Protein backbone atom coordinates (compact mmCIF):
# COMPACT_ATOMS: atom_id res chain seq x y z
CA MET A 1 1.70 -16.23 -21.24
CA GLY A 2 2.69 -13.86 -23.79
CA GLU A 3 1.30 -13.64 -26.72
CA ASN A 4 3.22 -12.48 -30.68
CA VAL A 5 2.07 -9.50 -32.01
CA SER A 6 3.23 -10.56 -35.89
CA SER A 7 3.72 -6.89 -37.32
CA SER A 8 6.20 -5.78 -34.67
CA LYS A 9 7.69 -8.70 -33.19
CA ILE A 10 6.67 -7.59 -30.05
CA ARG A 11 5.79 -10.67 -27.48
CA LEU A 12 3.08 -9.13 -24.86
CA VAL A 13 3.25 -9.72 -21.57
CA GLU A 14 0.62 -9.50 -18.75
CA ARG A 15 1.70 -5.63 -18.27
CA ASP A 16 1.12 -4.86 -21.68
CA TYR A 17 -2.71 -5.69 -21.18
CA ARG A 18 -2.25 -3.81 -17.96
CA VAL A 19 -1.13 -0.71 -19.97
CA LEU A 20 -3.88 -0.88 -22.83
CA ARG A 21 -6.65 -1.24 -19.98
CA GLU A 22 -5.41 1.75 -18.28
CA ILE A 23 -5.27 3.57 -21.27
CA ASP A 24 -8.69 2.47 -22.35
CA ARG A 25 -10.46 3.47 -18.85
CA TRP A 26 -9.68 7.08 -18.92
CA ARG A 27 -10.58 10.31 -21.15
CA ALA A 28 -7.01 11.31 -21.23
CA ILE A 29 -3.82 10.28 -19.89
CA THR A 30 0.07 10.55 -19.85
CA GLY A 31 3.35 8.71 -20.01
CA ARG A 32 3.70 9.53 -16.57
CA GLN A 33 0.27 8.49 -15.56
CA ILE A 34 0.75 5.39 -17.20
CA ALA A 35 4.16 4.29 -15.81
CA GLU A 36 1.99 5.06 -12.31
CA LEU A 37 -0.72 3.11 -12.53
CA ALA A 38 0.71 -0.03 -14.65
CA GLY A 39 3.64 -0.05 -12.02
CA PHE A 40 6.65 0.77 -14.12
CA SER A 41 9.93 1.25 -11.94
CA SER A 42 10.05 4.76 -13.57
CA GLU A 43 8.73 7.33 -16.37
CA GLN A 44 11.51 6.41 -18.56
CA THR A 45 11.18 2.29 -18.61
CA GLY A 46 6.96 2.96 -19.06
CA ASP A 47 8.15 5.29 -22.24
CA ARG A 48 10.24 2.71 -23.48
CA ARG A 49 7.69 0.26 -23.50
CA LEU A 50 5.11 2.66 -24.39
CA LYS A 51 6.99 2.66 -28.14
CA LYS A 52 7.07 -0.68 -28.39
CA LEU A 53 3.11 -0.85 -28.31
CA ILE A 54 3.00 1.96 -30.67
CA VAL A 55 5.59 0.48 -33.08
CA ALA A 56 3.59 -2.77 -32.62
CA GLY A 57 0.37 -0.57 -34.01
CA LEU A 58 -1.69 -1.12 -30.26
CA VAL A 59 -1.08 2.40 -29.10
CA GLU A 60 -0.98 5.93 -30.56
CA ARG A 61 0.00 9.49 -29.13
CA LYS A 62 -0.44 12.84 -29.80
CA ARG A 63 0.24 16.28 -28.72
CA VAL A 64 -3.05 17.74 -28.56
CA LEU A 65 -3.03 21.11 -25.65
CA TYR A 66 0.07 23.31 -25.40
CA GLY A 67 2.24 22.76 -22.44
CA VAL A 68 0.28 19.17 -21.57
CA PRO A 69 2.60 15.96 -22.25
CA TYR A 70 1.56 13.48 -24.97
CA LEU A 71 -1.74 11.89 -24.80
CA TYR A 72 -1.98 8.43 -25.77
CA SER A 73 -4.67 6.32 -26.75
CA LEU A 74 -5.85 2.75 -28.35
CA THR A 75 -6.06 2.38 -31.96
CA ALA A 76 -8.69 0.09 -32.85
CA LYS A 77 -6.31 -3.03 -32.74
CA GLY A 78 -5.22 -2.18 -29.54
CA LYS A 79 -9.18 -2.06 -28.69
CA SER A 80 -9.41 -5.28 -30.19
CA LEU A 81 -6.88 -7.28 -28.32
CA ILE A 82 -8.55 -6.07 -25.00
CA ALA A 83 -12.25 -6.43 -26.42
CA ALA A 84 -13.24 -2.96 -25.90
CA PRO A 85 -15.48 -0.82 -27.77
CA SER A 86 -14.45 -0.41 -31.12
CA TYR A 87 -15.71 3.51 -31.64
CA LYS A 88 -13.61 6.32 -32.25
CA GLU A 89 -12.94 8.61 -29.11
CA LYS A 90 -11.48 12.04 -29.64
CA PHE A 91 -9.92 14.07 -26.69
CA ARG A 92 -11.85 16.86 -25.50
CA ILE A 93 -9.65 19.90 -25.66
CA GLU A 94 -11.79 21.68 -23.01
CA GLN A 95 -11.85 18.76 -20.74
CA ILE A 96 -8.17 17.61 -21.05
CA ARG A 97 -6.77 19.39 -17.46
CA HIS A 98 -9.78 18.12 -15.63
CA ASP A 99 -9.30 14.52 -17.37
CA LEU A 100 -5.97 14.35 -16.37
CA ALA A 101 -6.49 15.61 -12.94
CA VAL A 102 -8.91 12.96 -12.56
CA VAL A 103 -6.08 10.22 -13.51
CA ASP A 104 -3.85 12.04 -10.87
CA THR A 105 -6.87 11.89 -8.00
CA ALA A 106 -6.44 7.92 -8.37
CA ILE A 107 -3.04 7.66 -8.14
CA TYR A 108 -3.37 10.04 -4.57
CA PHE A 109 -5.62 7.40 -3.51
CA HIS A 110 -3.57 4.57 -4.20
CA ASN A 111 -0.44 6.09 -2.69
CA LYS A 112 -1.83 7.92 0.18
CA LEU A 113 -4.95 6.07 1.40
CA SER A 114 -3.78 2.18 -0.45
CA VAL A 115 -6.91 2.17 -2.52
CA PRO A 116 -6.03 -0.47 -5.16
CA TYR A 117 -6.34 0.35 -8.54
CA GLY A 118 -8.47 -2.38 -9.47
CA ASN A 119 -11.03 -0.99 -6.78
CA ILE A 120 -11.43 2.57 -8.33
CA LEU A 121 -13.97 2.75 -11.29
CA SER A 122 -13.54 5.61 -13.26
CA GLU A 123 -16.74 7.73 -14.77
CA LYS A 124 -15.91 6.50 -18.08
CA GLN A 125 -16.18 2.67 -17.01
CA LEU A 126 -19.62 3.66 -14.79
CA HIS A 127 -21.25 4.74 -18.09
CA ARG A 128 -20.24 1.65 -19.62
CA LEU A 129 -21.81 -0.18 -16.81
CA ASP A 130 -24.74 1.38 -16.88
CA GLY A 131 -25.23 1.69 -20.82
CA PHE A 132 -24.87 4.33 -23.14
CA SER A 133 -28.92 4.53 -23.06
CA ASN A 134 -28.49 5.99 -19.78
CA ARG A 135 -27.01 9.20 -19.06
CA LYS A 136 -27.31 10.12 -15.62
CA HIS A 137 -24.67 11.68 -13.21
CA ARG A 138 -21.73 9.69 -12.35
CA PRO A 139 -18.77 11.22 -10.18
CA ASP A 140 -15.31 11.23 -11.94
CA LEU A 141 -14.35 8.13 -9.52
CA VAL A 142 -16.02 5.76 -7.37
CA PHE A 143 -14.00 3.15 -4.57
CA THR A 144 -15.02 1.17 -1.58
CA ASP A 145 -12.95 0.43 1.12
CA ALA A 146 -12.18 -3.04 2.82
CA GLU A 147 -14.99 -1.89 4.89
CA GLN A 148 -17.09 -2.08 2.20
CA LYS A 149 -17.61 2.24 2.47
CA SER A 150 -18.44 3.61 -0.62
CA THR A 151 -16.22 6.70 -1.55
CA CYS A 152 -16.73 9.16 -4.65
CA ALA A 153 -14.75 11.73 -5.71
CA GLU A 154 -16.02 14.74 -8.05
CA ILE A 155 -12.56 16.95 -9.71
CA GLU A 156 -14.42 20.37 -10.12
CA LEU A 157 -12.44 22.79 -11.73
CA SER A 158 -14.91 25.08 -13.11
CA LEU A 159 -18.12 26.77 -11.62
CA LYS A 160 -21.17 24.56 -12.69
CA ALA A 161 -24.62 26.40 -12.07
CA LYS A 162 -24.59 26.10 -8.62
CA ASP A 163 -27.84 24.17 -8.90
CA ARG A 164 -26.52 21.91 -11.14
CA LEU A 165 -23.72 21.42 -8.23
CA LYS A 166 -26.27 21.20 -5.48
CA LYS A 167 -27.92 18.13 -7.33
CA ASN A 168 -24.82 16.67 -7.57
CA ILE A 169 -23.63 16.80 -3.41
CA LYS A 170 -27.25 15.32 -2.94
CA ASP A 171 -26.63 12.55 -5.36
CA ASN A 172 -23.49 11.65 -3.99
CA PHE A 173 -24.72 11.67 -0.44
CA ILE A 174 -27.70 9.69 -0.85
CA ASN A 175 -25.34 6.98 -3.39
CA TYR A 176 -22.08 7.09 -1.29
CA ASP A 177 -20.98 7.06 2.04
CA LEU A 178 -18.06 9.57 1.62
CA GLN A 179 -17.86 12.23 -1.11
CA ILE A 180 -14.48 13.89 -1.66
CA TRP A 181 -14.49 16.98 -3.91
CA VAL A 182 -10.85 18.00 -5.19
CA VAL A 183 -11.37 22.08 -6.63
CA PRO A 184 -8.90 24.63 -7.44
CA SER A 185 -8.15 26.13 -4.20
CA LEU A 186 -10.19 26.47 -0.60
CA GLN A 187 -10.21 30.17 -1.74
CA HIS A 188 -12.25 29.56 -5.31
CA ARG A 189 -15.97 29.72 -5.05
CA ILE A 190 -16.50 26.00 -5.61
CA ALA A 191 -14.55 25.43 -2.31
CA ASN A 192 -17.17 28.01 -0.68
CA ILE A 193 -20.14 26.47 -1.76
CA LEU A 194 -18.94 23.22 -1.07
CA GLN A 195 -18.30 24.53 2.68
CA SER A 196 -21.75 25.67 3.05
CA GLU A 197 -22.89 22.41 1.82
CA GLN A 198 -21.33 20.74 4.67
CA ALA A 199 -23.91 22.16 7.20
CA ALA A 200 -26.65 19.92 5.58
CA TYR A 201 -24.29 17.06 4.07
CA SER A 202 -21.64 15.59 6.57
CA ASP A 203 -20.06 13.30 4.23
CA ILE A 204 -18.33 16.19 1.98
CA GLU A 205 -14.39 16.90 2.29
CA ILE A 206 -12.99 18.98 -0.09
CA LEU A 207 -8.95 18.59 -1.41
CA GLU A 208 -7.36 21.41 -3.55
CA LEU A 209 -6.08 20.57 -6.89
CA LYS A 210 -2.16 20.93 -5.79
CA GLU A 211 -2.42 18.35 -3.17
CA VAL A 212 -3.47 15.46 -5.49
CA SER A 213 -1.14 16.44 -8.27
CA THR A 214 2.08 17.28 -6.09
CA ASN A 215 4.42 14.72 -8.24
CA GLY A 216 2.06 15.32 -11.25
CA ILE A 217 0.84 18.20 -13.60
CA TYR A 218 -0.36 21.13 -11.84
CA PHE A 219 -2.26 23.34 -13.71
CA GLU A 220 -2.47 27.13 -12.28
CA PHE A 221 -5.98 28.62 -11.69
CA HIS A 222 -7.63 31.44 -10.58
CA GLN A 223 -8.09 31.12 -7.15
CA THR A 224 -11.35 33.02 -6.47
CA GLU A 225 -12.96 32.25 -9.81
């Protein structure tokens, strides 16, 4: 049953709550991605509804980086409506391309592997479940398939310290049945390290960024950085 938001004369329906929850569970998200995740028939249809949610004071949008579409976030009123944590969140400029690639990867898993969106947990959700005093490493995405096999995904677009990368690989091997790594290209140094680790960890799969972002935003990266 819908709910009236008196300040805007908008009547909220179940998909509006889904929109709010999707915005809340990602660190950054675009209108195109919201339309995909919330099941709108087109990006334009999603944009029209988002505009109404903005007028209602539940959602806000900002341009925070050149070449990147508007990013959406919840207002305090929007957070309250879905009982989300009330603390103010900020976009991390240096992480935006990564954060958007994470959402595109979730969409890829849904479209290519038939993973229900409800089965996918984001890193943000995993940290909330852990509690904020427990800041251990969590993958960017986690999901369980119909056979109850767990898969984690890491979107790795810039090279970390090799020891840290290898530790994350080992942690994922211990905690999940399969680990999928999304990298800028198969020629990138990150891919080279992962390929060398496949001898010890047979659960590693590697995808190129352009594969998961075919219908989304594709950012160019140095191929061998």
